[in-house]
C-alpha atoms as a PDB file:
ATOM      1  CA  MET A   1      89.641-115.567  -9.768  1.00  0.00           C
ATOM      2  CA  SER A   2      87.534-116.770 -12.746  1.00  0.00           C
ATOM      3  CA  PRO A   3      88.551-119.875 -14.660  1.00  0.00           C
ATOM      4  CA  LEU A   4      91.686-119.050 -16.670  1.00  0.00           C
ATOM      5  CA  ASN A   5      90.033-119.571 -20.044  1.00  0.00           C
ATOM      6  CA  LYS A   6      87.362-116.990 -19.101  1.00  0.00           C
ATOM      7  CA  LEU A   7      89.807-114.192 -18.193  1.00  0.00           C
ATOM      8  CA  THR A   8      89.914-111.095 -20.365  1.00  0.00           C
ATOM      9  CA  ASP A   9      93.232-109.834 -21.703  1.00  0.00           C
ATOM     10  CA  GLN A  10      93.237-107.110 -19.048  1.00  0.00           C
ATOM     11  CA  GLU A  11      92.613-109.643 -16.260  1.00  0.00           C
ATOM     12  CA  ILE A  12      95.440-111.867 -17.526  1.00  0.00           C
ATOM     13  CA  ILE A  13      97.765-108.863 -17.520  1.00  0.00           C
ATOM     14  CA  GLN A  14      96.748-107.898 -13.980  1.00  0.00           C
ATOM     15  CA  VAL A  15      97.189-111.458 -12.652  1.00  0.00           C
ATOM     16  CA  ILE A  16     100.632-111.832 -14.268  1.00  0.00           C
ATOM     17  CA  ARG A  17     101.778-108.436 -12.976  1.00  0.00           C
ATOM     18  CA  ALA A  18     100.530-109.302  -9.477  1.00  0.00           C
ATOM     19  CA  GLY A  19     102.684-112.450  -9.540  1.00  0.00           C
ATOM     20  CA  GLY A  20     102.462-115.100  -6.847  1.00  0.00           C
ATOM     21  CA  PRO A  21     100.828-118.511  -7.274  1.00  0.00           C
ATOM     22  CA  GLU A  22      97.930-117.066  -9.320  1.00  0.00           C
ATOM     23  CA  GLY A  23     100.385-115.352 -11.666  1.00  0.00           C
ATOM     24  CA  GLU A  24     102.281-118.629 -12.097  1.00  0.00           C
ATOM     25  CA  LYS A  25      99.044-120.493 -12.875  1.00  0.00           C
ATOM     26  CA  CYS A  26      98.201-117.850 -15.461  1.00  0.00           C
ATOM     27  CA  ILE A  27     101.646-118.145 -17.109  1.00  0.00           C
ATOM     28  CA  ASP A  28     101.283-121.926 -17.098  1.00  0.00           C
ATOM     29  CA  TYR A  29      97.886-121.534 -18.771  1.00  0.00           C
ATOM     30  CA  LEU A  30      99.397-119.281 -21.461  1.00  0.00           C
ATOM     31  CA  TYR A  31     102.143-121.806 -22.077  1.00  0.00           C
ATOM     32  CA  ASN A  32     100.084-125.012 -22.062  1.00  0.00           C
ATOM     33  CA  LYS A  33      96.684-124.016 -23.390  1.00  0.00           C
ATOM     34  CA  ALA A  34      95.996-120.448 -24.484  1.00  0.00           C
ATOM     35  CA  TYR A  35      98.131-120.229 -27.622  1.00  0.00           C
ATOM     36  CA  ILE A  36      99.134-123.831 -28.272  1.00  0.00           C
ATOM     37  CA  ARG A  37      97.083-123.966 -31.493  1.00  0.00           C
ATOM     38  CA  MET A  38      99.468-121.457 -33.076  1.00  0.00           C
ATOM     39  CA  ILE A  39     102.323-123.967 -33.058  1.00  0.00           C
ATOM     40  CA  HIS A  40     101.043-126.046 -35.968  1.00  0.00           C
ATOM     41  CA  LYS A  41     100.219-122.997 -38.099  1.00  0.00           C
ATOM     42  CA  ILE A  42     103.669-121.418 -37.777  1.00  0.00           C
ATOM     43  CA  LYS A  43     105.471-124.773 -37.957  1.00  0.00           C
ATOM     44  CA  ARG A  44     103.781-125.482 -41.286  1.00  0.00           C
ATOM     45  CA  LYS A  45     104.405-121.982 -42.588  1.00  0.00           C
ATOM     46  CA  LEU A  46     108.123-121.924 -41.770  1.00  0.00           C
ATOM     47  CA  PHE A  47     108.906-125.653 -42.182  1.00  0.00           C
ATOM     48  CA  LEU A  48     110.388-125.979 -38.701  1.00  0.00           C
ATOM     49  CA  ASP A  49     110.845-129.287 -36.932  1.00  0.00           C
ATOM     50  CA  ASP A  50     109.131-130.113 -33.616  1.00  0.00           C
ATOM     51  CA  GLU A  51     112.093-129.202 -31.422  1.00  0.00           C
ATOM     52  CA  ASP A  52     112.712-125.844 -33.102  1.00  0.00           C
ATOM     53  CA  ILE A  53     109.066-124.773 -33.021  1.00  0.00           C
ATOM     54  CA  LYS A  54     108.729-125.740 -29.346  1.00  0.00           C
ATOM     55  CA  ASP A  55     111.868-123.736 -28.496  1.00  0.00           C
ATOM     56  CA  ALA A  56     110.506-120.725 -30.364  1.00  0.00           C
ATOM     57  CA  TYR A  57     107.143-121.119 -28.605  1.00  0.00           C
ATOM     58  CA  THR A  58     108.765-121.276 -25.163  1.00  0.00           C
ATOM     59  CA  ASP A  59     110.909-118.223 -25.952  1.00  0.00           C
ATOM     60  CA  ALA A  60     107.802-116.372 -27.134  1.00  0.00           C
ATOM     61  CA  VAL A  61     105.842-117.112 -23.934  1.00  0.00           C
ATOM     62  CA  VAL A  62     108.828-115.962 -21.845  1.00  0.00           C
ATOM     63  CA  LYS A  63     109.081-112.754 -23.901  1.00  0.00           C
ATOM     64  CA  LEU A  64     105.318-112.125 -23.662  1.00  0.00           C
ATOM     65  CA  VAL A  65     105.387-112.472 -19.868  1.00  0.00           C
ATOM     66  CA  GLU A  66     108.438-110.212 -19.691  1.00  0.00           C
ATOM     67  CA  GLN A  67     106.705-107.584 -21.864  1.00  0.00           C
ATOM     68  CA  ILE A  68     103.571-107.759 -19.700  1.00  0.00           C
ATOM     69  CA  LYS A  69     105.556-107.385 -16.468  1.00  0.00           C
ATOM     70  CA  LYS A  70     107.509-104.434 -17.857  1.00  0.00           C
ATOM     71  CA  GLY A  71     104.318-102.757 -19.055  1.00  0.00           C
ATOM     72  CA  LYS A  72     105.370-102.853 -22.716  1.00  0.00           C
ATOM     73  CA  PHE A  73     102.101-104.412 -23.894  1.00  0.00           C
ATOM     74  CA  ARG A  74      99.895-101.351 -24.344  1.00  0.00           C
ATOM     75  CA  GLY A  75      96.700-103.156 -25.285  1.00  0.00           C
ATOM     76  CA  ASP A  76      96.579-101.752 -28.832  1.00  0.00           C
ATOM     77  CA  SER A  77      95.746-105.249 -30.046  1.00  0.00           C
ATOM     78  CA  LYS A  78      94.424-108.462 -28.576  1.00  0.00           C
ATOM     79  CA  LEU A  79      96.915-110.302 -26.378  1.00  0.00           C
ATOM     80  CA  SER A  80      96.719-113.315 -28.699  1.00  0.00           C
ATOM     81  CA  SER A  81      97.653-111.135 -31.713  1.00  0.00           C
ATOM     82  CA  TYR A  82     100.534-109.626 -29.783  1.00  0.00           C
ATOM     83  CA  PHE A  83     101.716-113.111 -28.790  1.00  0.00           C
ATOM     84  CA  TYR A  84     101.402-114.364 -32.384  1.00  0.00           C
ATOM     85  CA  ARG A  85     103.705-111.586 -33.593  1.00  0.00           C
ATOM     86  CA  ILE A  86     106.301-112.426 -30.912  1.00  0.00           C
ATOM     87  CA  PHE A  87     106.032-116.156 -31.649  1.00  0.00           C
ATOM     88  CA  TYR A  88     106.267-115.641 -35.398  1.00  0.00           C
ATOM     89  CA  ASN A  89     109.358-113.442 -35.022  1.00  0.00           C
ATOM     90  CA  LYS A  90     111.029-115.976 -32.714  1.00  0.00           C
ATOM     91  CA  SER A  91     110.230-118.719 -35.243  1.00  0.00           C
ATOM     92  CA  VAL A  92     111.652-116.664 -38.117  1.00  0.00           C
ATOM     93  CA  ASP A  93     114.837-116.196 -36.070  1.00  0.00           C
ATOM     94  CA  VAL A  94     115.116-119.978 -35.720  1.00  0.00           C
ATOM     95  CA  ALA A  95     114.392-120.500 -39.434  1.00  0.00           C
ATOM     96  CA  ARG A  96     116.989-117.867 -40.314  1.00  0.00           C
ATOM     97  CA  LYS A  97     119.571-119.551 -38.073  1.00  0.00           C
ATOM     98  CA  ASN A  98     118.766-122.912 -39.647  1.00  0.00           C
ATOM     99  CA  SER A  99     119.002-121.466 -43.148  1.00  0.00           C
ATOM    100  CA  SER A 100     122.543-120.220 -42.505  1.00  0.00           C
ATOM    101  CA  ASN A 101     123.507-123.785 -41.674  1.00  0.00           C
ATOM    102  CA  GLN A 102     121.589-125.175 -44.661  1.00  0.00           C
ATOM    103  CA  ILE A 103     123.113-122.737 -47.134  1.00  0.00           C
ATOM    104  CA  GLU A 104     126.365-124.677 -47.065  1.00  0.00           C
ATOM    105  CA  HIS A 105     124.527-127.788 -48.240  1.00  0.00           C
ATOM    106  CA  LEU A 106     121.994-126.121 -50.532  1.00  0.00           C
ATOM    107  CA  PRO A 107     121.310-128.328 -53.560  1.00  0.00           C
ATOM    108  CA  ILE A 108     122.108-126.116 -56.520  1.00  0.00           C
ATOM    109  CA  GLU A 109     119.106-127.249 -58.550  1.00  0.00           C
ATOM    110  CA  GLU A 110     116.817-125.977 -55.760  1.00  0.00           C
ATOM    111  CA  VAL A 111     117.997-122.409 -56.279  1.00  0.00           C
ATOM    112  CA  VAL A 112     116.732-122.279 -59.838  1.00  0.00           C
ATOM    113  CA  PRO A 113     113.948-119.835 -60.688  1.00  0.00           C
ATOM    114  CA  THR A 114     112.736-121.989 -63.577  1.00  0.00           C
ATOM    115  CA  ALA A 115     109.992-119.499 -64.501  1.00  0.00           C
ATOM    116  CA  ASP A 116     112.752-117.024 -65.410  1.00  0.00           C
ATOM    117  CA  PRO A 117     115.007-118.834 -67.923  1.00  0.00           C
ATOM    118  CA  ALA A 118     117.318-115.823 -68.266  1.00  0.00           C
ATOM    119  CA  LYS A 119     118.378-116.339 -64.663  1.00  0.00           C
ATOM    120  CA  ASN A 120     118.254-120.134 -64.707  1.00  0.00           C
ATOM    121  CA  ILE A 121     121.247-121.449 -62.808  1.00  0.00           C
ATOM    122  CA  LEU A 122     120.864-124.830 -64.480  1.00  0.00           C
ATOM    123  CA  ASP A 123     121.619-123.108 -67.789  1.00  0.00           C
ATOM    124  CA  LEU A 124     124.823-121.895 -66.187  1.00  0.00           C
ATOM    125  CA  LEU A 125     125.567-125.402 -64.979  1.00  0.00           C
ATOM    126  CA  GLU A 126     125.563-126.581 -68.602  1.00  0.00           C
ATOM    127  CA  VAL A 127     128.746-124.563 -69.010  1.00  0.00           C
ATOM    128  CA  SER A 128     130.382-126.723 -66.373  1.00  0.00           C
ATOM    129  CA  ASP A 129     129.143-129.697 -64.430  1.00  0.00           C
ATOM    130  CA  ASP A 130     131.222-128.743 -61.386  1.00  0.00           C
ATOM    131  CA  ARG A 131     128.602-128.168 -58.677  1.00  0.00           C
ATOM    132  CA  ARG A 132     131.291-127.453 -56.095  1.00  0.00           C
ATOM    133  CA  LYS A 133     132.247-124.365 -58.070  1.00  0.00           C
ATOM    134  CA  VAL A 134     128.630-123.204 -58.082  1.00  0.00           C
ATOM    135  CA  GLN A 135     128.488-123.760 -54.315  1.00  0.00           C
ATOM    136  CA  MET A 136     131.697-121.748 -53.991  1.00  0.00           C
ATOM    137  CA  TYR A 137     130.043-118.891 -55.896  1.00  0.00           C
ATOM    138  CA  LEU A 138     126.962-119.106 -53.699  1.00  0.00           C
ATOM    139  CA  ASP A 139     129.253-118.781 -50.699  1.00  0.00           C
ATOM    140  CA  LYS A 140     130.586-115.504 -52.110  1.00  0.00           C
ATOM    141  CA  LEU A 141     127.133-113.941 -51.938  1.00  0.00           C
ATOM    142  CA  SER A 142     125.980-111.938 -48.934  1.00  0.00           C
ATOM    143  CA  GLU A 143     124.050-113.695 -46.152  1.00  0.00           C
ATOM    144  CA  LYS A 144     120.944-111.790 -47.212  1.00  0.00           C
ATOM    145  CA  CYS A 145     121.264-113.110 -50.780  1.00  0.00           C
ATOM    146  CA  LYS A 146     121.776-116.655 -49.533  1.00  0.00           C
ATOM    147  CA  ILE A 147     118.673-116.377 -47.328  1.00  0.00           C
ATOM    148  CA  ILE A 148     116.594-114.967 -50.185  1.00  0.00           C
ATOM    149  CA  LEU A 149     117.730-117.674 -52.616  1.00  0.00           C
ATOM    150  CA  LEU A 150     117.263-120.462 -50.083  1.00  0.00           C
ATOM    151  CA  TYR A 151     113.728-119.442 -49.149  1.00  0.00           C
ATOM    152  CA  PHE A 152     112.816-118.793 -52.762  1.00  0.00           C
ATOM    153  CA  ALA A 153     114.053-122.283 -53.644  1.00  0.00           C
ATOM    154  CA  LYS A 154     111.959-123.747 -50.837  1.00  0.00           C
ATOM    155  CA  GLY A 155     108.832-122.143 -52.277  1.00  0.00           C
ATOM    156  CA  TYR A 156     108.235-119.264 -49.861  1.00  0.00           C
ATOM    157  CA  ASN A 157     106.285-116.350 -51.296  1.00  0.00           C
ATOM    158  CA  MET A 158     107.915-112.953 -51.603  1.00  0.00           C
ATOM    159  CA  GLU A 159     106.057-111.497 -48.604  1.00  0.00           C
ATOM    160  CA  GLU A 160     107.431-114.257 -46.368  1.00  0.00           C
ATOM    161  CA  ILE A 161     110.909-113.831 -47.830  1.00  0.00           C
ATOM    162  CA  ALA A 162     110.714-110.078 -47.217  1.00  0.00           C
ATOM    163  CA  GLU A 163     109.908-110.681 -43.563  1.00  0.00           C
ATOM    164  CA  MET A 164     112.624-113.303 -43.072  1.00  0.00           C
ATOM    165  CA  ALA A 165     115.258-111.231 -44.861  1.00  0.00           C
ATOM    166  CA  GLU A 166     114.138-108.084 -42.997  1.00  0.00           C
ATOM    167  CA  LEU A 167     113.154-106.226 -46.158  1.00  0.00           C
ATOM    168  CA  LYS A 168     110.388-103.628 -46.410  1.00  0.00           C
ATOM    169  CA  ASN A 169     107.935-105.560 -48.569  1.00  0.00           C
ATOM    170  CA  ALA A 170     107.445-108.190 -51.272  1.00  0.00           C
ATOM    171  CA  GLU A 171     108.537-105.775 -54.003  1.00  0.00           C
ATOM    172  CA  SER A 172     111.869-105.222 -52.229  1.00  0.00           C
ATOM    173  CA  ALA A 173     112.305-108.981 -51.864  1.00  0.00           C
ATOM    174  CA  THR A 174     111.583-109.506 -55.570  1.00  0.00           C
ATOM    175  CA  SER A 175     114.077-106.815 -56.505  1.00  0.00           C
ATOM    176  CA  GLN A 176     116.714-108.264 -54.162  1.00  0.00           C
ATOM    177  CA  LYS A 177     116.098-111.779 -55.504  1.00  0.00           C
ATOM    178  CA  TYR A 178     116.727-110.541 -59.033  1.00  0.00           C
ATOM    179  CA  LYS A 179     119.933-108.773 -57.933  1.00  0.00           C
ATOM    180  CA  CYS A 180     121.128-111.870 -56.059  1.00  0.00           C
ATOM    181  CA  PHE A 181     120.559-114.100 -59.090  1.00  0.00           C
ATOM    182  CA  LYS A 182     122.320-111.521 -61.267  1.00  0.00           C
ATOM    183  CA  LYS A 183     125.339-111.474 -58.913  1.00  0.00           C
ATOM    184  CA  LEU A 184     125.466-115.259 -58.863  1.00  0.00           C
ATOM    185  CA  GLU A 185     125.190-115.395 -62.639  1.00  0.00           C
ATOM    186  CA  GLN A 186     128.043-112.898 -63.012  1.00  0.00           C
ATOM    187  CA  LEU A 187     130.220-114.794 -60.542  1.00  0.00           C
ATOM    188  CA  ILE A 188     129.633-118.069 -62.328  1.00  0.00           C
ATOM    189  CA  LYS A 189     130.079-116.707 -65.850  1.00  0.00           C
ATOM    190  CA  GLY A 190     133.163-114.728 -64.815  1.00  0.00           C
ATOM    191  CA  GLY A 191     134.719-117.756 -63.153  1.00  0.00           C
ATOM    192  CA  TRP A 192     134.107-120.117 -66.075  1.00  0.00           C
ATOM    193  CA  GLN A 193     135.289-117.974 -68.947  1.00  0.00           C
END
């Protein structure tokens, strides 16, 4: 067998499917060297901590190997591109799980779309300084709305939000963001009148 870093995608697939000690070496190579550079890129993009990104990476390698063994990788793209998509999706799952936990402790001022004063939650807070009430209203929103608002507050672009919230595209995410802010505004105004 050629050195692992010289194997083509097809050779890697064949070695993994064949199994045995060579297959294990190939899997080890995928895990420790082949795609390791992707960790920093996705970690930075999704703001994940070291432990979470490593878990997502491990899960992605396991899923890639499983897909190869089951013959689900058809070779329509490069193996590295296929792995990146798996890894990114696993990382988004972790970020989504983390965001559900963070939503409970979301600082209200972070959810403010300051470029759109009509929907500015801080304007609503001037009506009452009770941030617990605002948090209570946030909790009444759907999970999808909470995810959209959280990621928007953290500075994600609408394409990234669309992917994390499982929406079709950035336009859908923008539309949903507007609707979520509108619902929150109505809840807050209705509750404080």
